[in-house]
Amino acid sequence: MDLLSLERKLWDANLAGDGEFYAKLLRDDAVVVSPWGTMTKEQAVPGITANRNPYTRYEISEPREFALGPDGGLITYRVEVHGKSDAGEPFSHTVFATSAYAREDGDWRAVFHQQTLEA
């Protein structure tokens, strides 16, 4: 199980506006919960594709992976995200993130992702 690699690919796809990668990896019933609200796959893919995300880079630390039976896994980590505001001002924030995956037909599919802002 190498869920950290998948998480990095998702963050990279987010930075690049690669909604197609999200469309392939997210299960149809996937849900994202963050300080900015909740989102379904149907909402997330067009948003990533439109690439309106102000993020410019990220740094993942403290990853921990957990098996949830033979076909399930969970990863939690801390990620510092850097970007630029609409006014072009640099910003950064840190979140604690957790993702749950299910293996289907031999491939991992993202089912759930949650972020909590570090206080």
N, C-alpha and C. Protein backbone atom coordinates (compact mmCIF):
# COMPACT_ATOMS: atom_id res chain seq x y z
N MET A 1 0.86 -1.18 0.00
CA MET A 1 0.00 0.00 0.00
C MET A 1 0.90 1.23 0.00
N ASP A 2 0.77 2.08 -1.02
CA ASP A 2 1.54 3.32 -1.08
C ASP A 2 0.58 4.48 -1.32
N LEU A 3 -0.19 4.78 -0.29
CA LEU A 3 -1.19 5.84 -0.42
C LEU A 3 -0.54 7.22 -0.47
N LEU A 4 0.63 7.37 0.12
CA LEU A 4 1.32 8.65 0.07
C LEU A 4 1.62 9.04 -1.37
N SER A 5 2.02 8.09 -2.18
CA SER A 5 2.27 8.36 -3.59
C SER A 5 1.00 8.86 -4.29
N LEU A 6 -0.13 8.24 -3.98
CA LEU A 6 -1.39 8.69 -4.58
C LEU A 6 -1.76 10.09 -4.11
N GLU A 7 -1.55 10.36 -2.84
CA GLU A 7 -1.85 11.70 -2.32
C GLU A 7 -0.98 12.76 -3.01
N ARG A 8 0.29 12.46 -3.19
CA ARG A 8 1.18 13.41 -3.89
C ARG A 8 0.69 13.63 -5.32
N LYS A 9 0.26 12.57 -5.99
CA LYS A 9 -0.25 12.70 -7.36
C LYS A 9 -1.50 13.56 -7.39
N LEU A 10 -2.37 13.42 -6.37
CA LEU A 10 -3.56 14.27 -6.31
C LEU A 10 -3.20 15.74 -6.11
N TRP A 11 -2.26 16.01 -5.19
CA TRP A 11 -1.83 17.39 -4.98
C TRP A 11 -1.18 17.94 -6.25
N ASP A 12 -0.36 17.15 -6.94
CA ASP A 12 0.27 17.59 -8.19
C ASP A 12 -0.79 17.88 -9.25
N ALA A 13 -1.80 17.02 -9.35
CA ALA A 13 -2.87 17.23 -10.31
C ALA A 13 -3.66 18.49 -9.97
N ASN A 14 -3.84 18.76 -8.68
CA ASN A 14 -4.52 19.98 -8.24
C ASN A 14 -3.75 21.21 -8.72
N LEU A 15 -2.44 21.20 -8.51
CA LEU A 15 -1.61 22.34 -8.94
C LEU A 15 -1.65 22.53 -10.45
N ALA A 16 -1.71 21.42 -11.19
CA ALA A 16 -1.65 21.47 -12.66
C ALA A 16 -3.01 21.65 -13.31
N GLY A 17 -4.09 21.58 -12.55
CA GLY A 17 -5.42 21.67 -13.14
C GLY A 17 -5.80 20.41 -13.90
N ASP A 18 -5.29 19.26 -13.45
CA ASP A 18 -5.53 17.98 -14.12
C ASP A 18 -6.77 17.30 -13.54
N GLY A 19 -7.93 17.78 -13.95
CA GLY A 19 -9.19 17.20 -13.49
C GLY A 19 -9.38 15.77 -13.96
N GLU A 20 -8.78 15.41 -15.08
CA GLU A 20 -8.89 14.05 -15.60
C GLU A 20 -8.31 13.04 -14.62
N PHE A 21 -7.19 13.39 -13.96
CA PHE A 21 -6.61 12.49 -12.97
C PHE A 21 -7.58 12.29 -11.81
N TYR A 22 -8.20 13.38 -11.35
CA TYR A 22 -9.20 13.28 -10.28
C TYR A 22 -10.38 12.42 -10.73
N ALA A 23 -10.83 12.59 -11.97
CA ALA A 23 -11.96 11.82 -12.48
C ALA A 23 -11.67 10.33 -12.45
N LYS A 24 -10.43 9.94 -12.71
CA LYS A 24 -10.05 8.52 -12.71
C LYS A 24 -9.87 7.98 -11.30
N LEU A 25 -9.29 8.77 -10.40
CA LEU A 25 -8.94 8.26 -9.08
C LEU A 25 -10.10 8.32 -8.09
N LEU A 26 -10.95 9.33 -8.18
CA LEU A 26 -12.06 9.46 -7.24
C LEU A 26 -13.18 8.50 -7.61
N ARG A 27 -13.69 7.81 -6.60
CA ARG A 27 -14.86 6.98 -6.82
C ARG A 27 -16.06 7.89 -7.05
N ASP A 28 -17.08 7.42 -7.73
CA ASP A 28 -18.24 8.28 -8.05
C ASP A 28 -18.91 8.86 -6.82
N ASP A 29 -18.87 8.13 -5.70
CA ASP A 29 -19.51 8.61 -4.47
C ASP A 29 -18.53 9.29 -3.51
N ALA A 30 -17.36 9.67 -4.01
CA ALA A 30 -16.34 10.31 -3.17
C ALA A 30 -16.84 11.64 -2.61
N VAL A 31 -16.36 11.95 -1.39
CA VAL A 31 -16.73 13.20 -0.71
C VAL A 31 -15.47 13.85 -0.16
N VAL A 32 -15.41 15.17 -0.28
CA VAL A 32 -14.32 15.98 0.29
C VAL A 32 -14.94 16.90 1.33
N VAL A 33 -14.32 16.96 2.51
CA VAL A 33 -14.77 17.85 3.58
C VAL A 33 -13.58 18.73 3.96
N SER A 34 -13.77 20.04 3.94
CA SER A 34 -12.68 20.95 4.27
C SER A 34 -13.23 22.16 5.01
N PRO A 35 -12.35 23.03 5.49
CA PRO A 35 -12.84 24.25 6.14
C PRO A 35 -13.66 25.13 5.19
N TRP A 36 -13.58 24.86 3.91
CA TRP A 36 -14.27 25.67 2.91
C TRP A 36 -15.57 25.02 2.44
N GLY A 37 -15.94 23.89 3.05
CA GLY A 37 -17.21 23.24 2.72
C GLY A 37 -17.03 21.80 2.31
N THR A 38 -18.11 21.22 1.79
CA THR A 38 -18.07 19.84 1.32
C THR A 38 -18.23 19.84 -0.20
N MET A 39 -17.73 18.77 -0.80
CA MET A 39 -17.74 18.69 -2.25
C MET A 39 -17.85 17.23 -2.68
N THR A 40 -18.58 16.98 -3.74
CA THR A 40 -18.67 15.66 -4.34
C THR A 40 -17.68 15.56 -5.50
N LYS A 41 -17.51 14.38 -6.03
CA LYS A 41 -16.66 14.21 -7.22
C LYS A 41 -17.20 15.07 -8.35
N GLU A 42 -18.51 15.08 -8.50
CA GLU A 42 -19.16 15.84 -9.56
C GLU A 42 -18.81 17.33 -9.48
N GLN A 43 -18.59 17.83 -8.26
CA GLN A 43 -18.21 19.23 -8.07
C GLN A 43 -16.70 19.43 -8.16
N ALA A 44 -15.94 18.47 -7.67
CA ALA A 44 -14.48 18.63 -7.58
C ALA A 44 -13.80 18.61 -8.94
N VAL A 45 -14.18 17.68 -9.81
CA VAL A 45 -13.48 17.51 -11.09
C VAL A 45 -13.53 18.78 -11.95
N PRO A 46 -14.71 19.40 -12.15
CA PRO A 46 -14.72 20.64 -12.95
C PRO A 46 -13.92 21.77 -12.29
N GLY A 47 -13.94 21.83 -10.96
CA GLY A 47 -13.17 22.86 -10.26
C GLY A 47 -11.67 22.70 -10.46
N ILE A 48 -11.20 21.46 -10.40
CA ILE A 48 -9.77 21.20 -10.64
C ILE A 48 -9.43 21.53 -12.09
N THR A 49 -10.28 21.10 -13.01
CA THR A 49 -10.04 21.33 -14.44
C THR A 49 -9.98 22.82 -14.75
N ALA A 50 -10.85 23.62 -14.12
CA ALA A 50 -10.86 25.07 -14.35
C ALA A 50 -9.59 25.72 -13.82
N ASN A 51 -8.90 25.03 -12.91
CA ASN A 51 -7.60 25.47 -12.37
C ASN A 51 -7.64 26.88 -11.82
N ARG A 52 -8.66 27.17 -11.02
CA ARG A 52 -8.75 28.47 -10.36
C ARG A 52 -8.08 28.43 -8.99
N ASN A 53 -7.41 27.34 -8.71
CA ASN A 53 -6.76 27.14 -7.41
C ASN A 53 -5.54 28.04 -7.30
N PRO A 54 -5.43 28.79 -6.21
CA PRO A 54 -4.28 29.69 -6.06
C PRO A 54 -3.03 28.99 -5.53
N TYR A 55 -3.06 27.66 -5.34
CA TYR A 55 -1.92 26.96 -4.76
C TYR A 55 -0.77 26.87 -5.76
N THR A 56 0.43 27.08 -5.25
CA THR A 56 1.62 27.01 -6.10
C THR A 56 2.58 25.88 -5.70
N ARG A 57 2.51 25.44 -4.44
CA ARG A 57 3.32 24.31 -4.00
C ARG A 57 2.79 23.81 -2.66
N TYR A 58 3.26 22.62 -2.28
CA TYR A 58 2.83 22.00 -1.04
C TYR A 58 3.98 21.18 -0.46
N GLU A 59 3.92 20.95 0.84
CA GLU A 59 4.93 20.14 1.52
C GLU A 59 4.21 19.21 2.50
N ILE A 60 4.26 17.92 2.23
CA ILE A 60 3.62 16.92 3.09
C ILE A 60 4.62 16.45 4.14
N SER A 61 4.15 16.33 5.37
CA SER A 61 4.99 15.78 6.44
C SER A 61 4.14 14.89 7.34
N GLU A 62 4.80 14.11 8.16
CA GLU A 62 4.17 13.25 9.17
C GLU A 62 3.13 12.28 8.60
N PRO A 63 3.40 11.65 7.43
CA PRO A 63 2.40 10.72 6.89
C PRO A 63 2.32 9.42 7.71
N ARG A 64 1.12 8.92 7.85
CA ARG A 64 0.88 7.62 8.51
C ARG A 64 -0.20 6.89 7.72
N GLU A 65 0.10 5.66 7.33
CA GLU A 65 -0.84 4.84 6.58
C GLU A 65 -1.37 3.71 7.46
N PHE A 66 -2.65 3.38 7.25
CA PHE A 66 -3.30 2.32 8.01
C PHE A 66 -4.08 1.43 7.05
N ALA A 67 -3.90 0.12 7.18
CA ALA A 67 -4.71 -0.82 6.40
C ALA A 67 -6.08 -0.93 7.07
N LEU A 68 -7.11 -0.97 6.24
CA LEU A 68 -8.47 -1.16 6.72
C LEU A 68 -9.00 -2.44 6.05
N GLY A 69 -8.39 -3.55 6.40
CA GLY A 69 -8.70 -4.81 5.75
C GLY A 69 -7.89 -4.94 4.48
N PRO A 70 -8.14 -6.00 3.71
CA PRO A 70 -7.33 -6.24 2.52
C PRO A 70 -7.57 -5.25 1.38
N ASP A 71 -8.72 -4.60 1.37
CA ASP A 71 -9.05 -3.70 0.26
C ASP A 71 -9.42 -2.29 0.70
N GLY A 72 -8.89 -1.88 1.84
CA GLY A 72 -9.16 -0.53 2.32
C GLY A 72 -7.92 0.05 2.96
N GLY A 73 -7.77 1.34 2.86
CA GLY A 73 -6.63 2.00 3.48
C GLY A 73 -6.95 3.44 3.81
N LEU A 74 -6.21 3.96 4.77
CA LEU A 74 -6.39 5.33 5.23
C LEU A 74 -5.01 5.94 5.39
N ILE A 75 -4.89 7.20 5.01
CA ILE A 75 -3.64 7.93 5.22
C ILE A 75 -3.97 9.26 5.88
N THR A 76 -3.14 9.65 6.81
CA THR A 76 -3.28 10.96 7.45
C THR A 76 -1.92 11.63 7.43
N TYR A 77 -1.90 12.93 7.31
CA TYR A 77 -0.65 13.69 7.22
C TYR A 77 -0.91 15.16 7.46
N ARG A 78 0.17 15.89 7.56
CA ARG A 78 0.15 17.35 7.70
C ARG A 78 0.66 17.90 6.37
N VAL A 79 0.04 18.95 5.86
CA VAL A 79 0.50 19.53 4.60
C VAL A 79 0.48 21.06 4.70
N GLU A 80 1.61 21.64 4.37
CA GLU A 80 1.72 23.10 4.29
C GLU A 80 1.52 23.47 2.83
N VAL A 81 0.54 24.34 2.60
CA VAL A 81 0.16 24.73 1.25
C VAL A 81 0.55 26.19 1.04
N HIS A 82 1.16 26.47 -0.10
CA HIS A 82 1.57 27.83 -0.45
C HIS A 82 0.84 28.26 -1.71
N GLY A 83 0.53 29.54 -1.81
CA GLY A 83 -0.16 30.03 -2.99
C GLY A 83 -0.12 31.54 -3.07
N LYS A 84 -0.94 32.05 -3.98
CA LYS A 84 -1.05 33.50 -4.16
C LYS A 84 -2.53 33.86 -4.16
N SER A 85 -2.85 34.94 -3.45
CA SER A 85 -4.23 35.42 -3.40
C SER A 85 -4.63 36.01 -4.76
N ASP A 86 -5.90 36.36 -4.90
CA ASP A 86 -6.37 37.00 -6.13
C ASP A 86 -5.61 38.29 -6.41
N ALA A 87 -5.13 38.94 -5.33
CA ALA A 87 -4.37 40.18 -5.47
C ALA A 87 -2.88 39.92 -5.72
N GLY A 88 -2.49 38.63 -5.81
CA GLY A 88 -1.10 38.29 -6.07
C GLY A 88 -0.22 38.22 -4.84
N GLU A 89 -0.83 38.33 -3.66
CA GLU A 89 -0.08 38.28 -2.41
C GLU A 89 0.17 36.82 -2.01
N PRO A 90 1.40 36.48 -1.63
CA PRO A 90 1.68 35.10 -1.22
C PRO A 90 1.00 34.78 0.11
N PHE A 91 0.60 33.52 0.26
CA PHE A 91 0.02 33.06 1.52
C PHE A 91 0.43 31.61 1.73
N SER A 92 0.25 31.16 2.94
CA SER A 92 0.42 29.73 3.24
C SER A 92 -0.51 29.39 4.39
N HIS A 93 -0.93 28.14 4.41
CA HIS A 93 -1.68 27.62 5.53
C HIS A 93 -1.34 26.14 5.67
N THR A 94 -1.56 25.63 6.85
CA THR A 94 -1.26 24.23 7.12
C THR A 94 -2.54 23.53 7.51
N VAL A 95 -2.74 22.34 6.95
CA VAL A 95 -3.90 21.53 7.28
C VAL A 95 -3.45 20.13 7.68
N PHE A 96 -4.27 19.50 8.48
CA PHE A 96 -4.14 18.08 8.75
C PHE A 96 -5.12 17.41 7.80
N ALA A 97 -4.65 16.44 7.02
CA ALA A 97 -5.48 15.81 6.00
C ALA A 97 -5.60 14.32 6.25
N THR A 98 -6.74 13.77 5.89
CA THR A 98 -6.99 12.34 5.98
C THR A 98 -7.74 11.91 4.73
N SER A 99 -7.28 10.81 4.13
CA SER A 99 -7.96 10.25 2.96
C SER A 99 -8.20 8.77 3.18
N ALA A 100 -9.34 8.30 2.71
CA ALA A 100 -9.68 6.88 2.76
C ALA A 100 -9.79 6.36 1.33
N TYR A 101 -9.26 5.15 1.13
CA TYR A 101 -9.22 4.51 -0.18
C TYR A 101 -9.83 3.12 -0.12
N ALA A 102 -10.40 2.70 -1.25
CA ALA A 102 -10.89 1.33 -1.41
C ALA A 102 -10.25 0.76 -2.68
N ARG A 103 -9.80 -0.50 -2.60
CA ARG A 103 -9.23 -1.14 -3.78
C ARG A 103 -10.37 -1.78 -4.56
N GLU A 104 -10.46 -1.41 -5.85
CA GLU A 104 -11.49 -1.94 -6.73
C GLU A 104 -10.85 -2.39 -8.02
N ASP A 105 -11.06 -3.63 -8.38
CA ASP A 105 -10.45 -4.20 -9.59
C ASP A 105 -8.94 -4.01 -9.60
N GLY A 106 -8.32 -4.13 -8.43
CA GLY A 106 -6.86 -4.06 -8.32
C GLY A 106 -6.29 -2.66 -8.19
N ASP A 107 -7.12 -1.63 -8.33
CA ASP A 107 -6.64 -0.25 -8.26
C ASP A 107 -7.23 0.45 -7.04
N TRP A 108 -6.45 1.36 -6.46
CA TRP A 108 -6.95 2.17 -5.35
C TRP A 108 -7.81 3.28 -5.89
N ARG A 109 -8.95 3.52 -5.23
CA ARG A 109 -9.86 4.61 -5.57
C ARG A 109 -10.11 5.43 -4.32
N ALA A 110 -10.05 6.73 -4.44
CA ALA A 110 -10.28 7.64 -3.32
C ALA A 110 -11.77 7.71 -3.02
N VAL A 111 -12.11 7.55 -1.74
CA VAL A 111 -13.50 7.55 -1.30
C VAL A 111 -13.81 8.81 -0.48
N PHE A 112 -12.84 9.25 0.32
CA PHE A 112 -13.10 10.34 1.26
C PHE A 112 -11.80 11.11 1.50
N HIS A 113 -11.93 12.44 1.59
CA HIS A 113 -10.78 13.28 1.94
C HIS A 113 -11.28 14.38 2.86
N GLN A 114 -10.54 14.63 3.92
CA GLN A 114 -10.93 15.64 4.92
C GLN A 114 -9.73 16.47 5.28
N GLN A 115 -9.93 17.79 5.45
CA GLN A 115 -8.87 18.70 5.87
C GLN A 115 -9.34 19.54 7.05
N THR A 116 -8.44 19.72 8.03
CA THR A 116 -8.69 20.58 9.17
C THR A 116 -7.54 21.57 9.26
N LEU A 117 -7.85 22.86 9.33
CA LEU A 117 -6.81 23.88 9.46
C LEU A 117 -6.07 23.72 10.78
N GLU A 118 -4.74 23.83 10.72
CA GLU A 118 -3.94 23.82 11.96
C GLU A 118 -4.19 25.14 12.68
N ALA A 119 -4.42 25.05 13.96
CA ALA A 119 -4.70 26.25 14.75
C ALA A 119 -3.46 27.08 14.97
